[in-house]
Amino acid sequence: YPNKSSFLLGDWFWNGGIQKSHKSFKELLRIISDSEFRSEDIRATRWNLINNQLGSSADDAEAHDDVTFEGAGWKKTAINIKIPIHKRAENPGIHDYLTTDLYHRPLVSVIQEKLANEKHDELFHYQPYELLWNHGGSERSIRVHGELYNSDAFIQAHREVQESPPEPGC
């Protein structure tokens, strides 16, 4: 970064996670309200160059200036959806619908991002578990489904990995 103001903004952008929150917004306000922050310092900062250097990875799709999702392993894919049209419609049958680009990330790049950030690491679930909910004073627990790491399939796969023989040399 060419100066401290650019560094502080870049640090906020890259280390604050991809999705911004009210807490993140307050952090941004703290940065730009700092007595040492100079708006003139950031005007000439070559953000695309810096962001491409910092955010590039082997998983990245080719970066374009018009792409909102740069870095962090984002990929762009056009999706073809087959839409069934009722037989009494003017043009019945199965019709292809080509969507606009779908932006997605491989699971590995999401996990890598979360594990690389100390703030996110403490919230990362390393072991799956059953999430249970009790209503008021009820003795009966209700299973809550919502995250992959709460699913029976994930719990079973985790158990199988833990019970499998160790890799040679580990």
Foldseek 3Di string as FASTA:
>chain_A
DQDDLQVQVVCLPQQVDPDDDPVSVVSVVVSCPDPPHDPVVCPPDPVVVVCCVVFDDPLFDDDDPPDPDGGLNKDKDWDWDWDADDPPDPDGDTDIDTHGIDIDGDPVSVVVSQCVHPVSVVVDDPAADWDWDDDDPDPDIDTDDDDPSNDPVNNVVVVCVVPDDDDPPD
